[in-house]
C-alpha cells in the first residue's frame, strides 16, 4: 500500500511498470534533493510521464499524465557533486489527485491503483501469452519449437517487462500502463506488436516497388 503522498519524478521518455527494474542517473539539483530525502525515508518515489509540450516549462512544473507507477529504490550509489545512480523497482500504479508545490521537487497526493490479476483470467492469460510469444519469437516452419522466452517467468513479470523494455513510443507505453489489469495490458501489447509487424511489412513491400 502506497503512502498518501509521494515525491514524483517526471520524465519525457520513461514509463515504469510494476515489478520491473529501472536504472536512473540523477543529476538535477531538485531531484538530487528528492533522492537524498527518499533514501532517508521509505525509499519510494513515483515515476510519471510528461505531457507533450513540456519543453517550454521543464524547469517549472509542466503537466504530467495522471497515472504513474511508484517504485522503491533498491540500490543507490552516491557520486561526485551529489549525483546518484539508482535502481528503482516498480511497486504499484497510482493516480495523482493533486500536488504540493511547497518544495523544490514535486510531491503528489496519490491514490494507489492495485491491479486485479486474479485466477478467473488464467485461461485467457495463457492463450494471450502464447500469442505474445509467437509474435516475439516467430517459428519459420510453423512448428512447435520451444519458446525462447523463459517459461518460468511469471505472466505479470513478462508482460510488464516487455511493456517497459520494448521500443515503443513513450505515449504507447503510457497507454499500456493505464490499461486496467494484466490481461488487458497483454492484449494491448499484442495489438501494438501486430501493428508494428504490419507497418514493417508494408515498408518492406513498398521499398521493393522502386
N, C-alpha and C. Protein backbone atom coordinates (compact mmCIF):
# COMPACT_ATOMS: atom_id res chain seq x y z
N UNK A 1 0.85 -1.20 0.00
CA UNK A 1 0.00 0.00 0.00
C UNK A 1 0.88 1.25 0.00
N UNK A 2 0.58 2.17 -0.91
CA UNK A 2 1.39 3.37 -1.03
C UNK A 2 1.03 4.38 0.05
N UNK A 3 2.02 5.21 0.44
CA UNK A 3 1.70 6.33 1.33
C UNK A 3 0.80 7.33 0.60
N UNK A 4 0.08 8.17 1.33
CA UNK A 4 -0.86 9.10 0.67
C UNK A 4 -0.19 10.18 -0.16
N UNK A 5 1.07 10.49 0.11
CA UNK A 5 1.80 11.49 -0.68
C UNK A 5 3.20 10.95 -0.97
N UNK A 6 3.64 11.11 -2.21
CA UNK A 6 4.97 10.63 -2.61
C UNK A 6 5.63 11.67 -3.51
N UNK A 7 6.97 11.73 -3.50
CA UNK A 7 7.65 12.58 -4.47
C UNK A 7 7.53 11.97 -5.85
N UNK A 8 7.37 12.80 -6.86
CA UNK A 8 7.25 12.28 -8.23
C UNK A 8 8.40 12.82 -9.09
N UNK A 9 8.83 11.96 -10.00
CA UNK A 9 9.95 12.25 -10.89
C UNK A 9 9.43 12.22 -12.32
N UNK A 10 9.11 13.39 -12.91
CA UNK A 10 8.57 13.42 -14.27
C UNK A 10 9.68 13.42 -15.31
N UNK A 11 9.55 12.54 -16.30
CA UNK A 11 10.50 12.47 -17.41
C UNK A 11 9.72 12.40 -18.72
N UNK A 12 10.34 12.82 -19.83
CA UNK A 12 9.62 12.83 -21.11
C UNK A 12 9.60 11.51 -21.85
N UNK A 13 10.39 10.54 -21.39
CA UNK A 13 10.55 9.32 -22.20
C UNK A 13 10.65 8.04 -21.39
N UNK A 14 10.24 8.06 -20.12
CA UNK A 14 10.37 6.89 -19.26
C UNK A 14 9.02 6.57 -18.62
N UNK A 15 8.62 5.30 -18.74
CA UNK A 15 7.42 4.80 -18.06
C UNK A 15 7.82 3.57 -17.27
N UNK A 16 7.51 3.56 -16.00
CA UNK A 16 7.83 2.44 -15.11
C UNK A 16 6.61 1.54 -14.96
N UNK A 17 6.86 0.22 -14.89
CA UNK A 17 5.79 -0.75 -14.70
C UNK A 17 6.02 -1.54 -13.41
N UNK A 18 4.95 -2.04 -12.80
CA UNK A 18 5.10 -2.79 -11.55
C UNK A 18 6.08 -3.96 -11.67
N UNK A 19 6.93 -4.08 -10.69
CA UNK A 19 7.90 -5.17 -10.52
C UNK A 19 9.01 -5.20 -11.57
N UNK A 20 9.16 -4.12 -12.34
CA UNK A 20 10.23 -4.03 -13.33
C UNK A 20 11.31 -3.09 -12.78
N UNK A 21 12.56 -3.39 -13.09
CA UNK A 21 13.68 -2.58 -12.60
C UNK A 21 14.04 -1.50 -13.61
N UNK A 22 14.39 -0.33 -13.08
CA UNK A 22 14.72 0.81 -13.92
C UNK A 22 15.96 1.52 -13.36
N UNK A 23 17.08 1.52 -14.10
CA UNK A 23 18.26 2.29 -13.66
C UNK A 23 18.11 3.76 -14.04
N UNK A 24 18.50 4.65 -13.16
CA UNK A 24 18.38 6.09 -13.41
C UNK A 24 19.62 6.80 -12.91
N UNK A 25 20.01 7.85 -13.65
CA UNK A 25 21.09 8.74 -13.22
C UNK A 25 20.45 10.06 -12.81
N UNK A 26 20.66 10.48 -11.58
CA UNK A 26 20.02 11.67 -11.03
C UNK A 26 21.04 12.79 -10.94
N UNK A 27 20.81 13.88 -11.68
CA UNK A 27 21.81 14.94 -11.70
C UNK A 27 21.25 16.33 -11.42
N UNK A 28 19.94 16.56 -11.65
CA UNK A 28 19.38 17.89 -11.37
C UNK A 28 19.33 18.11 -9.86
N UNK A 29 19.59 19.35 -9.44
CA UNK A 29 19.66 19.67 -8.00
C UNK A 29 18.37 19.28 -7.27
N UNK A 30 17.22 19.61 -7.87
CA UNK A 30 15.95 19.35 -7.16
C UNK A 30 15.70 17.86 -7.00
N UNK A 31 16.16 17.06 -7.97
CA UNK A 31 15.93 15.63 -7.87
C UNK A 31 17.03 14.94 -7.06
N UNK A 32 18.22 15.55 -6.99
CA UNK A 32 19.22 15.05 -6.04
C UNK A 32 18.68 15.20 -4.62
N UNK A 33 18.04 16.34 -4.36
CA UNK A 33 17.42 16.56 -3.04
C UNK A 33 16.32 15.53 -2.79
N UNK A 34 15.53 15.27 -3.81
CA UNK A 34 14.43 14.30 -3.69
C UNK A 34 14.95 12.91 -3.33
N UNK A 35 16.00 12.47 -4.05
CA UNK A 35 16.53 11.13 -3.80
C UNK A 35 17.17 11.05 -2.42
N UNK A 36 17.91 12.09 -2.03
CA UNK A 36 18.51 12.11 -0.71
C UNK A 36 17.47 11.95 0.38
N UNK A 37 16.35 12.66 0.21
CA UNK A 37 15.28 12.58 1.21
C UNK A 37 14.61 11.22 1.19
N UNK A 38 14.39 10.67 -0.01
CA UNK A 38 13.78 9.34 -0.12
C UNK A 38 14.64 8.27 0.54
N UNK A 39 15.95 8.38 0.38
CA UNK A 39 16.86 7.39 0.98
C UNK A 39 16.85 7.47 2.50
N UNK A 40 16.54 8.63 3.02
CA UNK A 40 16.45 8.76 4.49
C UNK A 40 15.08 8.32 5.01
N UNK A 41 14.15 8.07 4.09
CA UNK A 41 12.80 7.68 4.47
C UNK A 41 12.44 6.30 3.95
N UNK A 42 11.29 6.22 3.25
CA UNK A 42 10.79 4.90 2.81
C UNK A 42 11.33 4.47 1.46
N UNK A 43 12.16 5.31 0.82
CA UNK A 43 12.82 4.99 -0.46
C UNK A 43 11.84 4.91 -1.63
N UNK A 44 10.65 5.47 -1.50
CA UNK A 44 9.63 5.38 -2.55
C UNK A 44 9.55 6.70 -3.32
N UNK A 45 9.58 6.60 -4.64
CA UNK A 45 9.30 7.75 -5.50
C UNK A 45 8.35 7.29 -6.60
N UNK A 46 7.66 8.23 -7.22
CA UNK A 46 6.74 7.90 -8.30
C UNK A 46 7.26 8.40 -9.64
N UNK A 47 7.23 7.54 -10.63
CA UNK A 47 7.62 7.92 -11.99
C UNK A 47 6.37 8.31 -12.76
N UNK A 48 6.42 9.48 -13.42
CA UNK A 48 5.31 9.95 -14.24
C UNK A 48 5.85 10.47 -15.57
N UNK A 49 5.01 10.40 -16.59
CA UNK A 49 5.41 10.84 -17.93
C UNK A 49 4.94 12.26 -18.17
N UNK A 50 5.85 13.10 -18.67
CA UNK A 50 5.49 14.46 -19.04
C UNK A 50 4.60 14.47 -20.27
N UNK A 51 3.63 15.36 -20.27
CA UNK A 51 2.76 15.51 -21.44
C UNK A 51 3.50 16.27 -22.55
N UNK A 52 3.09 16.10 -23.81
CA UNK A 52 3.72 16.84 -24.90
C UNK A 52 3.67 18.35 -24.65
N UNK A 53 4.74 19.04 -25.04
CA UNK A 53 4.83 20.47 -24.82
C UNK A 53 5.57 20.85 -23.55
N UNK A 54 6.15 19.86 -22.89
CA UNK A 54 6.84 20.08 -21.62
C UNK A 54 8.08 20.95 -21.77
N UNK A 55 8.65 21.02 -22.98
CA UNK A 55 9.95 21.68 -23.17
C UNK A 55 9.95 23.14 -22.72
N UNK A 56 8.84 23.83 -22.93
CA UNK A 56 8.81 25.27 -22.63
C UNK A 56 8.81 25.57 -21.13
N UNK A 57 8.53 24.54 -20.32
CA UNK A 57 8.43 24.79 -18.88
C UNK A 57 9.08 23.67 -18.08
N UNK A 58 10.14 23.07 -18.62
CA UNK A 58 10.72 21.91 -17.94
C UNK A 58 11.22 22.25 -16.55
N UNK A 59 11.81 23.43 -16.39
CA UNK A 59 12.35 23.81 -15.09
C UNK A 59 11.27 24.17 -14.08
N UNK A 60 10.04 24.29 -14.54
CA UNK A 60 8.93 24.55 -13.64
C UNK A 60 8.21 23.27 -13.29
N UNK A 61 6.88 23.30 -13.48
CA UNK A 61 6.07 22.13 -13.16
C UNK A 61 5.13 21.84 -14.34
N UNK A 62 5.70 21.37 -15.47
CA UNK A 62 4.87 21.12 -16.65
C UNK A 62 3.88 19.98 -16.39
N UNK A 63 2.78 19.97 -17.14
CA UNK A 63 1.74 18.94 -16.93
C UNK A 63 2.28 17.52 -17.16
N UNK A 64 1.75 16.61 -16.36
CA UNK A 64 2.11 15.20 -16.48
C UNK A 64 0.83 14.38 -16.65
N UNK A 65 0.99 13.15 -17.14
CA UNK A 65 -0.16 12.23 -17.19
C UNK A 65 -0.56 11.87 -15.76
N UNK A 66 -1.85 11.68 -15.52
CA UNK A 66 -2.31 11.48 -14.14
C UNK A 66 -2.01 10.10 -13.56
N UNK A 67 -1.70 9.14 -14.42
CA UNK A 67 -1.40 7.77 -13.95
C UNK A 67 0.10 7.54 -14.03
N UNK A 68 0.69 7.11 -12.93
CA UNK A 68 2.11 6.79 -12.89
C UNK A 68 2.33 5.49 -12.15
N UNK A 69 3.59 5.17 -11.90
CA UNK A 69 3.93 3.96 -11.16
C UNK A 69 4.97 4.30 -10.11
N UNK A 70 4.68 3.93 -8.88
CA UNK A 70 5.63 4.14 -7.80
C UNK A 70 6.67 3.03 -7.80
N UNK A 71 7.86 3.37 -7.33
CA UNK A 71 8.92 2.38 -7.22
C UNK A 71 9.70 2.57 -5.94
N UNK A 72 10.40 1.54 -5.53
CA UNK A 72 11.26 1.61 -4.36
C UNK A 72 12.71 1.56 -4.82
N UNK A 73 13.55 2.40 -4.23
CA UNK A 73 14.96 2.44 -4.58
C UNK A 73 15.64 1.23 -3.96
N UNK A 74 16.05 0.29 -4.79
CA UNK A 74 16.68 -0.94 -4.28
C UNK A 74 18.19 -0.79 -4.17
N UNK A 75 18.77 0.07 -5.01
CA UNK A 75 20.21 0.32 -4.96
C UNK A 75 20.46 1.80 -5.21
N UNK A 76 21.44 2.36 -4.51
CA UNK A 76 21.78 3.77 -4.70
C UNK A 76 23.29 3.94 -4.54
N UNK A 77 23.88 4.64 -5.50
CA UNK A 77 25.31 4.95 -5.45
C UNK A 77 25.45 6.46 -5.48
N UNK A 78 26.03 7.01 -4.43
CA UNK A 78 26.21 8.45 -4.35
C UNK A 78 27.49 8.82 -5.10
N UNK A 79 27.39 9.77 -6.02
CA UNK A 79 28.51 10.16 -6.88
C UNK A 79 29.01 11.55 -6.50
N UNK A 80 30.01 12.02 -7.25
CA UNK A 80 30.54 13.36 -7.02
C UNK A 80 29.45 14.40 -7.27
N UNK A 81 29.56 15.54 -6.61
CA UNK A 81 28.66 16.68 -6.76
C UNK A 81 27.22 16.35 -6.37
N UNK A 82 27.06 15.30 -5.56
CA UNK A 82 25.72 14.98 -5.07
C UNK A 82 24.84 14.20 -6.03
N UNK A 83 25.41 13.76 -7.14
CA UNK A 83 24.62 12.98 -8.09
C UNK A 83 24.41 11.56 -7.56
N UNK A 84 23.46 10.86 -8.18
CA UNK A 84 23.18 9.48 -7.79
C UNK A 84 23.02 8.61 -9.02
N UNK A 85 23.44 7.36 -8.91
CA UNK A 85 22.96 6.29 -9.77
C UNK A 85 22.05 5.43 -8.90
N UNK A 86 20.82 5.23 -9.33
CA UNK A 86 19.90 4.42 -8.55
C UNK A 86 19.27 3.34 -9.42
N UNK A 87 18.75 2.33 -8.75
CA UNK A 87 17.91 1.33 -9.41
C UNK A 87 16.56 1.34 -8.70
N UNK A 88 15.52 1.50 -9.49
CA UNK A 88 14.16 1.58 -8.98
C UNK A 88 13.42 0.31 -9.36
N UNK A 89 12.70 -0.27 -8.43
CA UNK A 89 11.84 -1.42 -8.73
C UNK A 89 10.39 -1.00 -8.62
N UNK A 90 9.63 -1.20 -9.70
CA UNK A 90 8.24 -0.80 -9.72
C UNK A 90 7.43 -1.51 -8.65
N UNK A 91 6.54 -0.74 -8.00
CA UNK A 91 5.70 -1.28 -6.93
C UNK A 91 4.24 -1.34 -7.34
N UNK A 92 3.65 -0.19 -7.63
CA UNK A 92 2.21 -0.11 -7.83
C UNK A 92 1.85 1.14 -8.62
N UNK A 93 0.83 1.02 -9.45
CA UNK A 93 0.31 2.19 -10.16
C UNK A 93 -0.38 3.13 -9.18
N UNK A 94 -0.46 4.40 -9.59
CA UNK A 94 -1.19 5.38 -8.78
C UNK A 94 -1.83 6.41 -9.68
N UNK A 95 -2.81 7.11 -9.12
CA UNK A 95 -3.44 8.25 -9.78
C UNK A 95 -3.12 9.50 -8.97
N UNK A 96 -2.67 10.56 -9.64
CA UNK A 96 -2.39 11.82 -8.97
C UNK A 96 -3.70 12.54 -8.67
N UNK A 97 -3.87 12.94 -7.42
CA UNK A 97 -5.06 13.70 -7.02
C UNK A 97 -4.78 15.19 -7.05
N UNK A 98 -3.64 15.60 -6.49
CA UNK A 98 -3.19 16.99 -6.57
C UNK A 98 -1.72 17.03 -6.15
N UNK A 99 -1.14 18.23 -6.22
CA UNK A 99 0.28 18.37 -5.92
C UNK A 99 0.51 19.40 -4.82
N UNK A 100 1.55 19.16 -4.05
CA UNK A 100 2.04 20.10 -3.04
C UNK A 100 3.23 20.82 -3.67
N UNK A 101 3.13 22.14 -3.85
CA UNK A 101 4.17 22.89 -4.56
C UNK A 101 5.09 23.67 -3.62
N UNK A 102 5.17 23.23 -2.37
CA UNK A 102 5.99 23.97 -1.41
C UNK A 102 7.45 23.55 -1.40
N UNK A 103 7.80 22.50 -2.13
CA UNK A 103 9.18 22.03 -2.16
C UNK A 103 9.78 22.28 -3.54
N UNK A 104 11.11 22.19 -3.63
CA UNK A 104 11.77 22.37 -4.93
C UNK A 104 11.39 21.25 -5.89
N UNK A 105 11.27 20.03 -5.35
CA UNK A 105 10.84 18.91 -6.19
C UNK A 105 9.34 18.71 -6.01
N UNK A 106 8.75 17.90 -6.88
CA UNK A 106 7.31 17.76 -6.90
C UNK A 106 6.84 16.63 -5.98
N UNK A 107 5.81 16.91 -5.20
CA UNK A 107 5.20 15.92 -4.32
C UNK A 107 3.72 15.85 -4.67
N UNK A 108 3.23 14.64 -4.87
CA UNK A 108 1.83 14.46 -5.27
C UNK A 108 1.07 13.67 -4.22
N UNK A 109 -0.18 14.06 -4.00
CA UNK A 109 -1.09 13.24 -3.22
C UNK A 109 -1.70 12.22 -4.18
N UNK A 110 -1.64 10.95 -3.82
CA UNK A 110 -1.98 9.90 -4.78
C UNK A 110 -2.95 8.88 -4.19
N UNK A 111 -3.65 8.21 -5.09
CA UNK A 111 -4.43 7.02 -4.77
C UNK A 111 -3.74 5.83 -5.43
N UNK A 112 -3.43 4.81 -4.64
CA UNK A 112 -2.87 3.60 -5.23
C UNK A 112 -3.88 2.89 -6.11
N UNK A 113 -3.39 2.25 -7.18
CA UNK A 113 -4.26 1.53 -8.12
C UNK A 113 -3.77 0.08 -8.25
N UNK A 114 -3.99 -0.74 -7.21
CA UNK A 114 -3.56 -2.14 -7.30
C UNK A 114 -4.30 -2.84 -8.44
N UNK A 115 -3.59 -3.71 -9.14
CA UNK A 115 -4.17 -4.38 -10.30
C UNK A 115 -4.73 -5.75 -9.90
N UNK A 116 -5.90 -6.05 -10.44
CA UNK A 116 -6.53 -7.34 -10.18
C UNK A 116 -6.08 -8.34 -11.24
N UNK A 117 -5.17 -9.24 -10.87
CA UNK A 117 -4.69 -10.26 -11.79
C UNK A 117 -5.11 -11.63 -11.26
N UNK A 118 -6.42 -11.78 -11.05
CA UNK A 118 -6.96 -12.95 -10.38
C UNK A 118 -6.93 -14.22 -11.22
N UNK A 119 -7.30 -15.32 -10.57
CA UNK A 119 -7.28 -16.63 -11.21
C UNK A 119 -8.38 -16.78 -12.25
N UNK A 120 -9.40 -15.90 -12.22
CA UNK A 120 -10.51 -16.03 -13.16
C UNK A 120 -10.09 -15.74 -14.59
N UNK A 121 -8.93 -15.13 -14.79
CA UNK A 121 -8.45 -14.83 -16.15
C UNK A 121 -7.31 -15.76 -16.57
N UNK A 122 -7.07 -16.82 -15.82
CA UNK A 122 -5.89 -17.66 -16.06
C UNK A 122 -5.88 -18.26 -17.46
N UNK A 123 -7.01 -18.84 -17.89
CA UNK A 123 -7.06 -19.47 -19.22
C UNK A 123 -6.86 -18.44 -20.33
N UNK A 124 -7.53 -17.27 -20.18
CA UNK A 124 -7.38 -16.22 -21.19
C UNK A 124 -5.94 -15.71 -21.22
N UNK A 125 -5.33 -15.62 -20.04
CA UNK A 125 -3.95 -15.14 -19.97
C UNK A 125 -2.99 -16.14 -20.60
N UNK A 126 -3.25 -17.44 -20.42
CA UNK A 126 -2.39 -18.46 -21.02
C UNK A 126 -2.43 -18.36 -22.54
N UNK A 127 -3.62 -18.17 -23.09
CA UNK A 127 -3.78 -18.04 -24.53
C UNK A 127 -3.10 -16.77 -25.05
N UNK A 128 -3.28 -15.66 -24.32
CA UNK A 128 -2.67 -14.39 -24.73
C UNK A 128 -1.15 -14.47 -24.67
N UNK A 129 -0.63 -15.17 -23.67
CA UNK A 129 0.83 -15.31 -23.56
C UNK A 129 1.39 -16.10 -24.74
N UNK A 130 0.68 -17.15 -25.16
CA UNK A 130 1.14 -17.92 -26.34
C UNK A 130 1.18 -17.03 -27.57
N UNK A 131 0.15 -16.18 -27.74
CA UNK A 131 0.12 -15.28 -28.90
C UNK A 131 1.27 -14.28 -28.82
N UNK A 132 1.52 -13.77 -27.64
CA UNK A 132 2.61 -12.82 -27.43
C UNK A 132 3.96 -13.46 -27.76
N UNK A 133 4.16 -14.66 -27.30
CA UNK A 133 5.43 -15.36 -27.56
C UNK A 133 5.61 -15.63 -29.06
N UNK A 134 4.50 -15.95 -29.75
CA UNK A 134 4.61 -16.23 -31.18
C UNK A 134 4.99 -14.98 -31.97
N UNK A 135 4.60 -13.81 -31.48
CA UNK A 135 4.97 -12.56 -32.15
C UNK A 135 6.43 -12.19 -31.90
N UNK A 136 6.90 -12.52 -30.71
CA UNK A 136 8.27 -12.15 -30.35
C UNK A 136 9.29 -13.15 -30.84
N UNK A 137 8.89 -14.44 -30.88
CA UNK A 137 9.81 -15.49 -31.33
C UNK A 137 9.10 -16.30 -32.41
N UNK A 138 8.99 -15.74 -33.64
CA UNK A 138 8.27 -16.45 -34.70
C UNK A 138 9.00 -17.74 -35.10
N UNK A 139 8.23 -18.75 -35.43
CA UNK A 139 8.79 -20.03 -35.86
C UNK A 139 8.73 -20.10 -37.39
N UNK A 140 9.87 -20.09 -38.07
CA UNK A 140 9.87 -20.05 -39.54
C UNK A 140 9.10 -21.18 -40.18
N UNK A 141 9.15 -22.38 -39.57
CA UNK A 141 8.47 -23.53 -40.17
C UNK A 141 7.08 -23.74 -39.60
N UNK A 142 6.70 -22.86 -38.69
CA UNK A 142 5.38 -23.00 -38.08
C UNK A 142 5.29 -24.14 -37.09
N UNK A 143 6.42 -24.79 -36.82
CA UNK A 143 6.43 -25.94 -35.92
C UNK A 143 6.40 -25.53 -34.47
N UNK A 144 6.20 -26.53 -33.64
CA UNK A 144 6.13 -26.27 -32.21
C UNK A 144 7.50 -26.25 -31.57
N UNK A 145 8.22 -25.17 -31.73
CA UNK A 145 9.54 -25.04 -31.15
C UNK A 145 9.41 -24.45 -29.75
N UNK A 146 10.30 -24.83 -28.86
CA UNK A 146 10.30 -24.26 -27.51
C UNK A 146 10.44 -22.74 -27.57
N UNK A 147 9.59 -21.99 -26.90
CA UNK A 147 9.73 -20.53 -26.91
C UNK A 147 11.02 -20.11 -26.24
N UNK A 148 11.62 -19.02 -26.74
CA UNK A 148 12.87 -18.53 -26.18
C UNK A 148 12.66 -17.62 -24.99
N UNK A 149 11.39 -17.28 -24.72
CA UNK A 149 11.10 -16.52 -23.51
C UNK A 149 11.04 -17.50 -22.34
N UNK A 150 11.59 -17.13 -21.20
CA UNK A 150 11.67 -18.08 -20.08
C UNK A 150 10.29 -18.53 -19.61
N UNK A 151 9.96 -19.83 -19.73
CA UNK A 151 8.63 -20.30 -19.34
C UNK A 151 8.37 -20.16 -17.84
N UNK A 152 9.44 -20.09 -17.05
CA UNK A 152 9.27 -19.97 -15.60
C UNK A 152 8.94 -18.54 -15.17
N UNK A 153 9.06 -17.59 -16.09
CA UNK A 153 8.80 -16.19 -15.76
C UNK A 153 7.31 -15.97 -15.58
N UNK A 154 6.92 -15.39 -14.47
CA UNK A 154 5.50 -15.14 -14.20
C UNK A 154 4.89 -14.24 -15.26
N UNK A 155 3.60 -14.45 -15.55
CA UNK A 155 2.92 -13.66 -16.57
C UNK A 155 3.07 -12.16 -16.31
N UNK A 156 2.87 -11.75 -15.07
CA UNK A 156 2.95 -10.33 -14.73
C UNK A 156 4.34 -9.77 -15.01
N UNK A 157 5.37 -10.51 -14.62
CA UNK A 157 6.73 -10.04 -14.84
C UNK A 157 7.05 -9.95 -16.33
N UNK A 158 6.60 -10.96 -17.09
CA UNK A 158 6.88 -10.99 -18.52
C UNK A 158 6.21 -9.83 -19.24
N UNK A 159 4.91 -9.66 -19.04
CA UNK A 159 4.15 -8.63 -19.75
C UNK A 159 4.66 -7.24 -19.39
N UNK A 160 4.88 -7.00 -18.10
CA UNK A 160 5.32 -5.67 -17.67
C UNK A 160 6.74 -5.37 -18.14
N UNK A 161 7.62 -6.37 -18.13
CA UNK A 161 8.99 -6.15 -18.61
C UNK A 161 8.99 -5.84 -20.10
N UNK A 162 8.19 -6.56 -20.88
CA UNK A 162 8.11 -6.29 -22.32
C UNK A 162 7.54 -4.90 -22.57
N UNK A 163 6.51 -4.53 -21.81
CA UNK A 163 5.90 -3.21 -21.99
C UNK A 163 6.92 -2.10 -21.71
N UNK A 164 7.79 -2.32 -20.74
CA UNK A 164 8.77 -1.29 -20.39
C UNK A 164 9.97 -1.29 -21.33
N UNK A 165 10.47 -2.47 -21.73
CA UNK A 165 11.75 -2.53 -22.43
C UNK A 165 11.66 -2.55 -23.96
N UNK A 166 10.52 -2.96 -24.52
CA UNK A 166 10.41 -2.95 -25.98
C UNK A 166 10.39 -1.50 -26.49
N UNK A 167 10.77 -1.33 -27.75
CA UNK A 167 10.94 0.02 -28.30
C UNK A 167 9.62 0.59 -28.79
N UNK A 168 8.80 0.97 -27.84
CA UNK A 168 7.56 1.68 -28.15
C UNK A 168 7.75 3.16 -27.85
N UNK A 169 6.86 3.98 -28.44
CA UNK A 169 6.87 5.40 -28.12
C UNK A 169 6.43 5.58 -26.66
N UNK A 170 6.92 6.63 -25.99
CA UNK A 170 6.52 6.85 -24.60
C UNK A 170 5.01 6.89 -24.40
N UNK A 171 4.27 7.52 -25.33
CA UNK A 171 2.81 7.59 -25.15
C UNK A 171 2.17 6.21 -25.31
N UNK A 172 2.79 5.34 -26.11
CA UNK A 172 2.29 3.97 -26.23
C UNK A 172 2.52 3.21 -24.93
N UNK A 173 3.67 3.42 -24.31
CA UNK A 173 3.94 2.78 -23.02
C UNK A 173 3.00 3.31 -21.95
N UNK A 174 2.72 4.61 -22.01
CA UNK A 174 1.78 5.20 -21.05
C UNK A 174 0.40 4.55 -21.19
N UNK A 175 -0.02 4.35 -22.43
CA UNK A 175 -1.32 3.71 -22.66
C UNK A 175 -1.32 2.28 -22.12
N UNK A 176 -0.20 1.57 -22.26
CA UNK A 176 -0.10 0.22 -21.70
C UNK A 176 -0.19 0.25 -20.17
N UNK A 177 0.49 1.21 -19.57
CA UNK A 177 0.44 1.32 -18.11
C UNK A 177 -0.98 1.57 -17.64
N UNK A 178 -1.72 2.38 -18.37
CA UNK A 178 -3.06 2.77 -17.95
C UNK A 178 -4.11 1.67 -18.14
N UNK A 179 -3.75 0.60 -18.85
CA UNK A 179 -4.71 -0.49 -19.04
C UNK A 179 -5.08 -1.09 -17.69
N UNK A 180 -6.32 -1.50 -17.57
CA UNK A 180 -6.85 -1.98 -16.29
C UNK A 180 -6.61 -3.48 -16.15
N UNK A 181 -5.47 -3.82 -15.57
CA UNK A 181 -5.17 -5.23 -15.31
C UNK A 181 -4.22 -5.82 -16.32
N UNK A 182 -3.65 -6.95 -15.93
CA UNK A 182 -2.60 -7.59 -16.73
C UNK A 182 -3.10 -8.12 -18.06
N UNK A 183 -4.27 -8.76 -18.07
CA UNK A 183 -4.79 -9.32 -19.30
C UNK A 183 -5.05 -8.23 -20.34
N UNK A 184 -5.65 -7.13 -19.92
CA UNK A 184 -5.90 -6.02 -20.84
C UNK A 184 -4.58 -5.45 -21.36
N UNK A 185 -3.57 -5.36 -20.49
CA UNK A 185 -2.25 -4.85 -20.92
C UNK A 185 -1.62 -5.81 -21.94
N UNK A 186 -1.76 -7.10 -21.68
CA UNK A 186 -1.20 -8.09 -22.61
C UNK A 186 -1.88 -8.00 -23.97
N UNK A 187 -3.21 -7.86 -24.00
CA UNK A 187 -3.93 -7.74 -25.27
C UNK A 187 -3.49 -6.47 -26.01
N UNK A 188 -3.31 -5.37 -25.30
CA UNK A 188 -2.86 -4.14 -25.96
C UNK A 188 -1.43 -4.27 -26.47
N UNK A 189 -0.61 -4.99 -25.72
CA UNK A 189 0.76 -5.25 -26.15
C UNK A 189 0.78 -6.06 -27.44
N UNK A 190 -0.08 -7.05 -27.52
CA UNK A 190 -0.21 -7.86 -28.73
C UNK A 190 -0.65 -7.00 -29.91
N UNK A 191 -1.64 -6.14 -29.68
CA UNK A 191 -2.12 -5.26 -30.76
C UNK A 191 -1.02 -4.33 -31.26
N UNK A 192 -0.23 -3.79 -30.34
CA UNK A 192 0.87 -2.92 -30.74
C UNK A 192 1.89 -3.67 -31.58
N UNK A 193 2.24 -4.88 -31.14
CA UNK A 193 3.23 -5.67 -31.87
C UNK A 193 2.70 -6.07 -33.25
N UNK A 194 1.43 -6.45 -33.31
CA UNK A 194 0.84 -6.83 -34.61
C UNK A 194 0.83 -5.64 -35.55
N UNK A 195 0.52 -4.46 -35.03
CA UNK A 195 0.50 -3.26 -35.86
C UNK A 195 1.90 -2.96 -36.39
N UNK A 196 2.91 -3.13 -35.55
CA UNK A 196 4.28 -2.84 -35.99
C UNK A 196 4.75 -3.86 -37.02
N UNK A 197 4.29 -5.10 -36.90
CA UNK A 197 4.62 -6.11 -37.92
C UNK A 197 4.00 -5.73 -39.26
N UNK A 198 2.74 -5.28 -39.23
CA UNK A 198 2.05 -4.87 -40.47
C UNK A 198 2.76 -3.67 -41.10
N UNK A 199 3.12 -2.68 -40.27
CA UNK A 199 3.80 -1.49 -40.79
C UNK A 199 5.15 -1.84 -41.40
N UNK A 200 5.91 -2.72 -40.73
CA UNK A 200 7.23 -3.10 -41.26
C UNK A 200 7.10 -3.87 -42.56
N UNK A 201 6.08 -4.72 -42.67
CA UNK A 201 5.86 -5.45 -43.93
C UNK A 201 5.48 -4.50 -45.05
N UNK A 202 4.65 -3.51 -44.73
CA UNK A 202 4.23 -2.52 -45.72
C UNK A 202 5.44 -1.72 -46.23
N UNK A 203 6.30 -1.33 -45.30
CA UNK A 203 7.51 -0.57 -45.69
C UNK A 203 8.40 -1.43 -46.55
N UNK A 204 8.57 -2.69 -46.16
CA UNK A 204 9.43 -3.60 -46.92
C UNK A 204 8.88 -3.81 -48.33
N UNK A 205 7.55 -4.00 -48.41
CA UNK A 205 6.94 -4.20 -49.72
C UNK A 205 7.03 -2.94 -50.57
N UNK A 206 6.89 -1.79 -49.95
CA UNK A 206 6.98 -0.52 -50.69
C UNK A 206 8.35 -0.28 -51.26
N UNK A 207 9.40 -0.67 -50.51
CA UNK A 207 10.76 -0.46 -50.99
C UNK A 207 11.03 -1.32 -52.22
N UNK A 208 10.37 -2.48 -52.27
CA UNK A 208 10.62 -3.38 -53.40
C UNK A 208 9.98 -2.89 -54.68
N UNK A 209 9.11 -1.87 -54.63
CA UNK A 209 8.44 -1.40 -55.83
C UNK A 209 9.25 -0.36 -56.59
N UNK A 210 10.34 0.15 -55.97
CA UNK A 210 11.09 1.23 -56.61
C UNK A 210 12.27 0.67 -57.39
